[in-house]
């Protein structure tokens, strides 16, 4: 991160109400460029609510400020991505869907195929271009979603408990891809996690939420 650079994302006194209750209460935070900030806290603390507010999916009070440097693209990996196992879509077609103008019903273009194969290889899914989405494991699906979200590199990457339900090996492979995106492209990330070990491995900033900011820590998880 460049000293003095504006944060990619700021929230100022962000408040979200549900009836008479508060889901978020005056949350202020800033995400410096190239940082991985992890939200932690108990269930119902407002972590996913904060993600939804940043995405503009719910009403809020206060301010959300973006200081874009390029195109303002946001990448998202949700906790779960429901797939109809009968959907006739392959992993390769999924990646080509938003990357080629040629109708996908006519197949992946010859020009697009090398890019799709490279993306799959980067995700540890080499040779999966013809694999139906319904045949991917949970870990494979999450890595596919991450790869889709970070190419081209977004200005802001939002991860809402993306490794929940994955075994340790699958979670670690996901983390490795995330750290590579940070190191290679300077992707700024806001991530929700319930796994303390994961937080130590990937976070350089941690925000503990319980509707309000309870604690803020810097440089807790970067490898030496």
Protein backbone atom coordinates (compact mmCIF):
# COMPACT_ATOMS: atom_id res chain seq x y z
CA UNK A 1 0.00 0.00 0.00
CA UNK A 2 1.26 3.50 -0.80
CA UNK A 3 1.63 5.67 2.28
CA UNK A 4 -1.08 8.30 2.36
CA UNK A 5 -3.19 6.57 -0.30
CA UNK A 6 -6.93 6.88 0.10
CA UNK A 7 -8.69 3.72 1.29
CA UNK A 8 -10.53 1.80 -1.41
CA UNK A 9 -13.59 1.55 0.86
CA UNK A 10 -14.71 3.64 3.83
CA UNK A 11 -17.79 3.34 6.01
CA UNK A 12 -18.66 6.25 8.28
CA UNK A 13 -21.16 5.76 11.09
CA UNK A 14 -22.82 2.98 9.12
CA UNK A 15 -26.09 2.03 10.78
CA UNK A 16 -28.65 -0.54 9.68
CA UNK A 17 -32.01 -0.87 11.43
CA UNK A 18 -34.56 -3.65 11.50
CA UNK A 19 -37.70 -2.33 13.11
CA UNK A 20 -36.74 -0.91 16.51
CA UNK A 21 -33.50 -2.92 16.60
CA UNK A 22 -30.03 -2.23 15.22
CA UNK A 23 -28.17 -4.67 12.98
CA UNK A 24 -25.22 -2.28 12.70
CA UNK A 25 -24.59 0.64 15.02
CA UNK A 26 -22.28 3.39 13.82
CA UNK A 27 -19.64 1.22 12.13
CA UNK A 28 -16.67 3.15 10.75
CA UNK A 29 -13.80 1.40 8.99
CA UNK A 30 -11.37 1.88 6.12
CA UNK A 31 -9.79 -0.64 3.75
CA UNK A 32 -6.36 0.47 2.48
CA UNK A 33 -5.39 -0.53 -1.07
CA UNK A 34 -4.04 -4.07 -1.28
CA UNK A 35 -5.16 -5.07 2.22
CA UNK A 36 -7.09 -8.11 3.42
CA UNK A 37 -9.47 -7.04 6.17
CA UNK A 38 -11.35 -9.82 7.96
CA UNK A 39 -14.61 -9.32 9.86
CA UNK A 40 -15.02 -11.55 12.91
CA UNK A 41 -17.65 -11.81 15.62
CA UNK A 42 -20.54 -13.96 16.84
CA UNK A 43 -23.52 -15.00 14.74
CA UNK A 44 -25.85 -12.06 14.33
CA UNK A 45 -23.05 -9.53 14.84
CA UNK A 46 -23.77 -7.80 11.52
CA UNK A 47 -20.91 -9.12 9.38
CA UNK A 48 -23.02 -10.25 6.43
CA UNK A 49 -25.20 -7.18 6.91
CA UNK A 50 -22.16 -4.98 6.37
CA UNK A 51 -21.35 -6.85 3.14
CA UNK A 52 -24.94 -6.42 1.96
CA UNK A 53 -24.82 -2.68 2.72
CA UNK A 54 -21.60 -2.26 0.75
CA UNK A 55 -23.27 -4.03 -2.19
CA UNK A 56 -26.25 -1.68 -1.94
CA UNK A 57 -28.63 -4.54 -1.19
CA UNK A 58 -30.14 -3.02 1.97
CA UNK A 59 -30.97 0.44 3.23
CA UNK A 60 -28.57 2.07 5.66
CA UNK A 61 -27.78 5.32 7.45
CA UNK A 62 -24.35 6.93 7.44
CA UNK A 63 -21.97 6.90 4.48
CA UNK A 64 -20.22 4.34 2.31
CA UNK A 65 -17.43 5.84 0.23
CA UNK A 66 -15.50 4.20 -2.60
CA UNK A 67 -12.24 5.68 -3.80
CA UNK A 68 -11.86 3.89 -7.10
CA UNK A 69 -8.61 3.89 -9.05
CA UNK A 70 -9.81 2.08 -12.17
CA UNK A 71 -13.25 0.81 -13.14
CA UNK A 72 -14.90 0.32 -9.74
CA UNK A 73 -15.51 -3.37 -10.28
CA UNK A 74 -16.51 -5.42 -7.22
CA UNK A 75 -15.89 -9.18 -7.03
CA UNK A 76 -18.04 -11.36 -4.77
CA UNK A 77 -17.76 -14.90 -3.44
CA UNK A 78 -20.78 -15.89 -1.30
CA UNK A 79 -20.86 -18.55 1.40
CA UNK A 80 -22.90 -20.83 -0.86
CA UNK A 81 -23.72 -20.83 -4.54
CA UNK A 82 -26.79 -22.95 -5.20
CA UNK A 83 -26.43 -24.98 -8.38
CA UNK A 84 -29.07 -27.16 -9.97
CA UNK A 85 -27.12 -30.40 -10.55
CA UNK A 86 -29.02 -30.89 -13.80
CA UNK A 87 -27.92 -27.50 -15.18
CA UNK A 88 -26.08 -28.21 -18.45
CA UNK A 89 -23.19 -25.83 -17.76
CA UNK A 90 -19.53 -26.80 -17.44
CA UNK A 91 -16.78 -25.12 -15.43
CA UNK A 92 -15.25 -23.80 -18.63
CA UNK A 93 -18.57 -22.43 -19.87
CA UNK A 94 -19.18 -20.77 -16.51
CA UNK A 95 -15.95 -18.78 -16.87
CA UNK A 96 -16.61 -17.97 -20.53
CA UNK A 97 -20.16 -16.80 -19.81
CA UNK A 98 -19.21 -13.22 -18.90
CA UNK A 99 -16.02 -13.07 -20.99
CA UNK A 100 -17.11 -13.64 -24.57
CA UNK A 101 -19.70 -11.93 -26.72
CA UNK A 102 -20.30 -15.02 -28.85
CA UNK A 103 -23.48 -16.78 -27.63
CA UNK A 104 -22.47 -19.51 -25.20
CA UNK A 105 -25.01 -21.89 -26.71
CA UNK A 106 -22.66 -22.02 -29.70
CA UNK A 107 -19.73 -23.03 -27.52
CA UNK A 108 -16.57 -21.46 -26.16
CA UNK A 109 -14.74 -19.57 -28.90
CA UNK A 110 -11.28 -20.64 -30.02
CA UNK A 111 -9.92 -17.28 -28.84
CA UNK A 112 -11.47 -17.66 -25.38
CA UNK A 113 -10.50 -21.28 -24.75
CA UNK A 114 -6.82 -20.62 -23.80
CA UNK A 115 -7.91 -17.97 -21.30
CA UNK A 116 -10.47 -20.30 -19.75
CA UNK A 117 -7.91 -23.09 -19.49
CA UNK A 118 -5.40 -20.71 -17.86
CA UNK A 119 -7.98 -19.54 -15.32
CA UNK A 120 -8.88 -23.11 -14.45
CA UNK A 121 -5.20 -24.03 -14.05
CA UNK A 122 -4.65 -21.01 -11.78
CA UNK A 123 -7.55 -22.26 -9.63
CA UNK A 124 -6.04 -25.74 -9.41
CA UNK A 125 -8.76 -27.01 -11.73
CA UNK A 126 -6.70 -27.86 -14.78
CA UNK A 127 -8.54 -30.25 -17.08
CA UNK A 128 -11.96 -29.28 -15.65
CA UNK A 129 -13.17 -27.28 -18.67
CA UNK A 130 -15.72 -29.98 -19.56
CA UNK A 131 -16.65 -30.86 -15.96
CA UNK A 132 -20.34 -30.08 -15.24
CA UNK A 133 -20.83 -27.63 -12.37
CA UNK A 134 -23.00 -30.17 -10.59
CA UNK A 135 -20.01 -32.54 -10.38
CA UNK A 136 -17.69 -30.07 -8.63
CA UNK A 137 -16.96 -30.52 -4.93
CA UNK A 138 -17.66 -27.67 -2.53
CA UNK A 139 -14.02 -26.62 -2.50
CA UNK A 140 -13.73 -26.79 -6.28
CA UNK A 141 -16.85 -24.67 -6.68
CA UNK A 142 -15.58 -22.01 -4.28
CA UNK A 143 -12.22 -21.81 -6.05
CA UNK A 144 -14.04 -21.50 -9.37
CA UNK A 145 -16.12 -18.63 -7.95
CA UNK A 146 -12.99 -16.94 -6.58
CA UNK A 147 -11.21 -17.24 -9.92
CA UNK A 148 -14.26 -15.80 -11.66
CA UNK A 149 -14.32 -12.90 -9.17
CA UNK A 150 -10.65 -11.92 -9.46
CA UNK A 151 -10.21 -11.98 -13.25
CA UNK A 152 -9.87 -9.25 -14.23
CA UNK A 153 -8.70 -8.03 -10.80
CA UNK A 154 -11.52 -6.15 -9.08
CA UNK A 155 -10.94 -3.00 -7.10
CA UNK A 156 -12.77 -4.57 -4.16
CA UNK A 157 -13.27 -8.26 -3.38
CA UNK A 158 -16.03 -9.27 -0.94
CA UNK A 159 -15.92 -12.76 0.60
CA UNK A 160 -18.81 -13.80 2.86
CA UNK A 161 -17.61 -16.89 4.77
CA UNK A 162 -16.36 -18.43 1.51
CA UNK A 163 -14.81 -21.56 3.08
CA UNK A 164 -17.63 -22.53 5.45
CA UNK A 165 -18.24 -26.27 5.21
CA UNK A 166 -15.00 -27.00 3.36
CA UNK A 167 -12.40 -29.40 4.72
CA UNK A 168 -9.04 -27.99 5.81
CA UNK A 169 -7.27 -28.88 2.57
CA UNK A 170 -9.91 -27.21 0.42
CA UNK A 171 -9.94 -24.14 2.67
CA UNK A 172 -6.14 -23.83 2.50
CA UNK A 173 -6.16 -24.03 -1.31
CA UNK A 174 -8.77 -21.27 -1.38
CA UNK A 175 -6.60 -19.14 0.93
CA UNK A 176 -3.53 -19.67 -1.26
CA UNK A 177 -5.43 -18.40 -4.30
CA UNK A 178 -6.66 -15.39 -2.33
CA UNK A 179 -3.16 -14.47 -1.14
CA UNK A 180 -1.81 -14.87 -4.67
CA UNK A 181 -4.44 -12.42 -5.95
CA UNK A 182 -3.38 -9.93 -3.28
CA UNK A 183 0.32 -10.34 -4.06
CA UNK A 184 0.01 -10.37 -7.85
CA UNK A 185 -2.68 -7.73 -8.41
CA UNK A 186 -3.01 -5.77 -5.17
CA UNK A 187 -6.64 -6.77 -4.76
CA UNK A 188 -8.28 -5.12 -1.74
CA UNK A 189 -10.40 -7.63 0.18
CA UNK A 190 -13.11 -7.56 2.84
CA UNK A 191 -13.75 -11.06 4.16
CA UNK A 192 -16.06 -12.61 6.75
CA UNK A 193 -14.60 -15.59 8.65
CA UNK A 194 -15.37 -17.67 11.74
CA UNK A 195 -12.08 -19.59 11.64
CA UNK A 196 -9.39 -18.09 13.95
CA UNK A 197 -6.62 -20.07 12.23
CA UNK A 198 -7.72 -18.78 8.85
CA UNK A 199 -7.76 -15.23 10.15
CA UNK A 200 -4.16 -15.59 11.35
CA UNK A 201 -3.10 -16.97 7.97
CA UNK A 202 -4.65 -14.39 5.65
CA UNK A 203 -5.56 -11.18 7.49
CA UNK A 204 -3.48 -8.08 7.82
CA UNK A 205 -6.37 -6.25 9.46
CA UNK A 206 -9.10 -7.67 11.71
CA UNK A 207 -12.32 -5.93 12.69
CA UNK A 208 -14.31 -7.53 15.51
CA UNK A 209 -17.99 -6.70 15.19
CA UNK A 210 -20.91 -7.07 17.50
CA UNK A 211 -23.22 -4.61 15.75
CA UNK A 212 -20.57 -1.98 16.53
CA UNK A 213 -16.79 -2.19 16.14
CA UNK A 214 -15.52 -3.88 19.31
CA UNK A 215 -11.87 -4.21 18.40
CA UNK A 216 -9.55 -3.36 15.51
CA UNK A 217 -6.15 -4.97 14.98
CA UNK A 218 -3.49 -4.43 12.31
CA UNK A 219 -0.87 -6.83 10.89
CA UNK A 220 -2.00 -9.94 12.72
CA UNK A 221 -1.68 -12.56 10.03
CA UNK A 222 0.82 -11.71 7.35
CA UNK A 223 3.64 -14.22 7.03
CA UNK A 224 7.04 -12.89 8.02
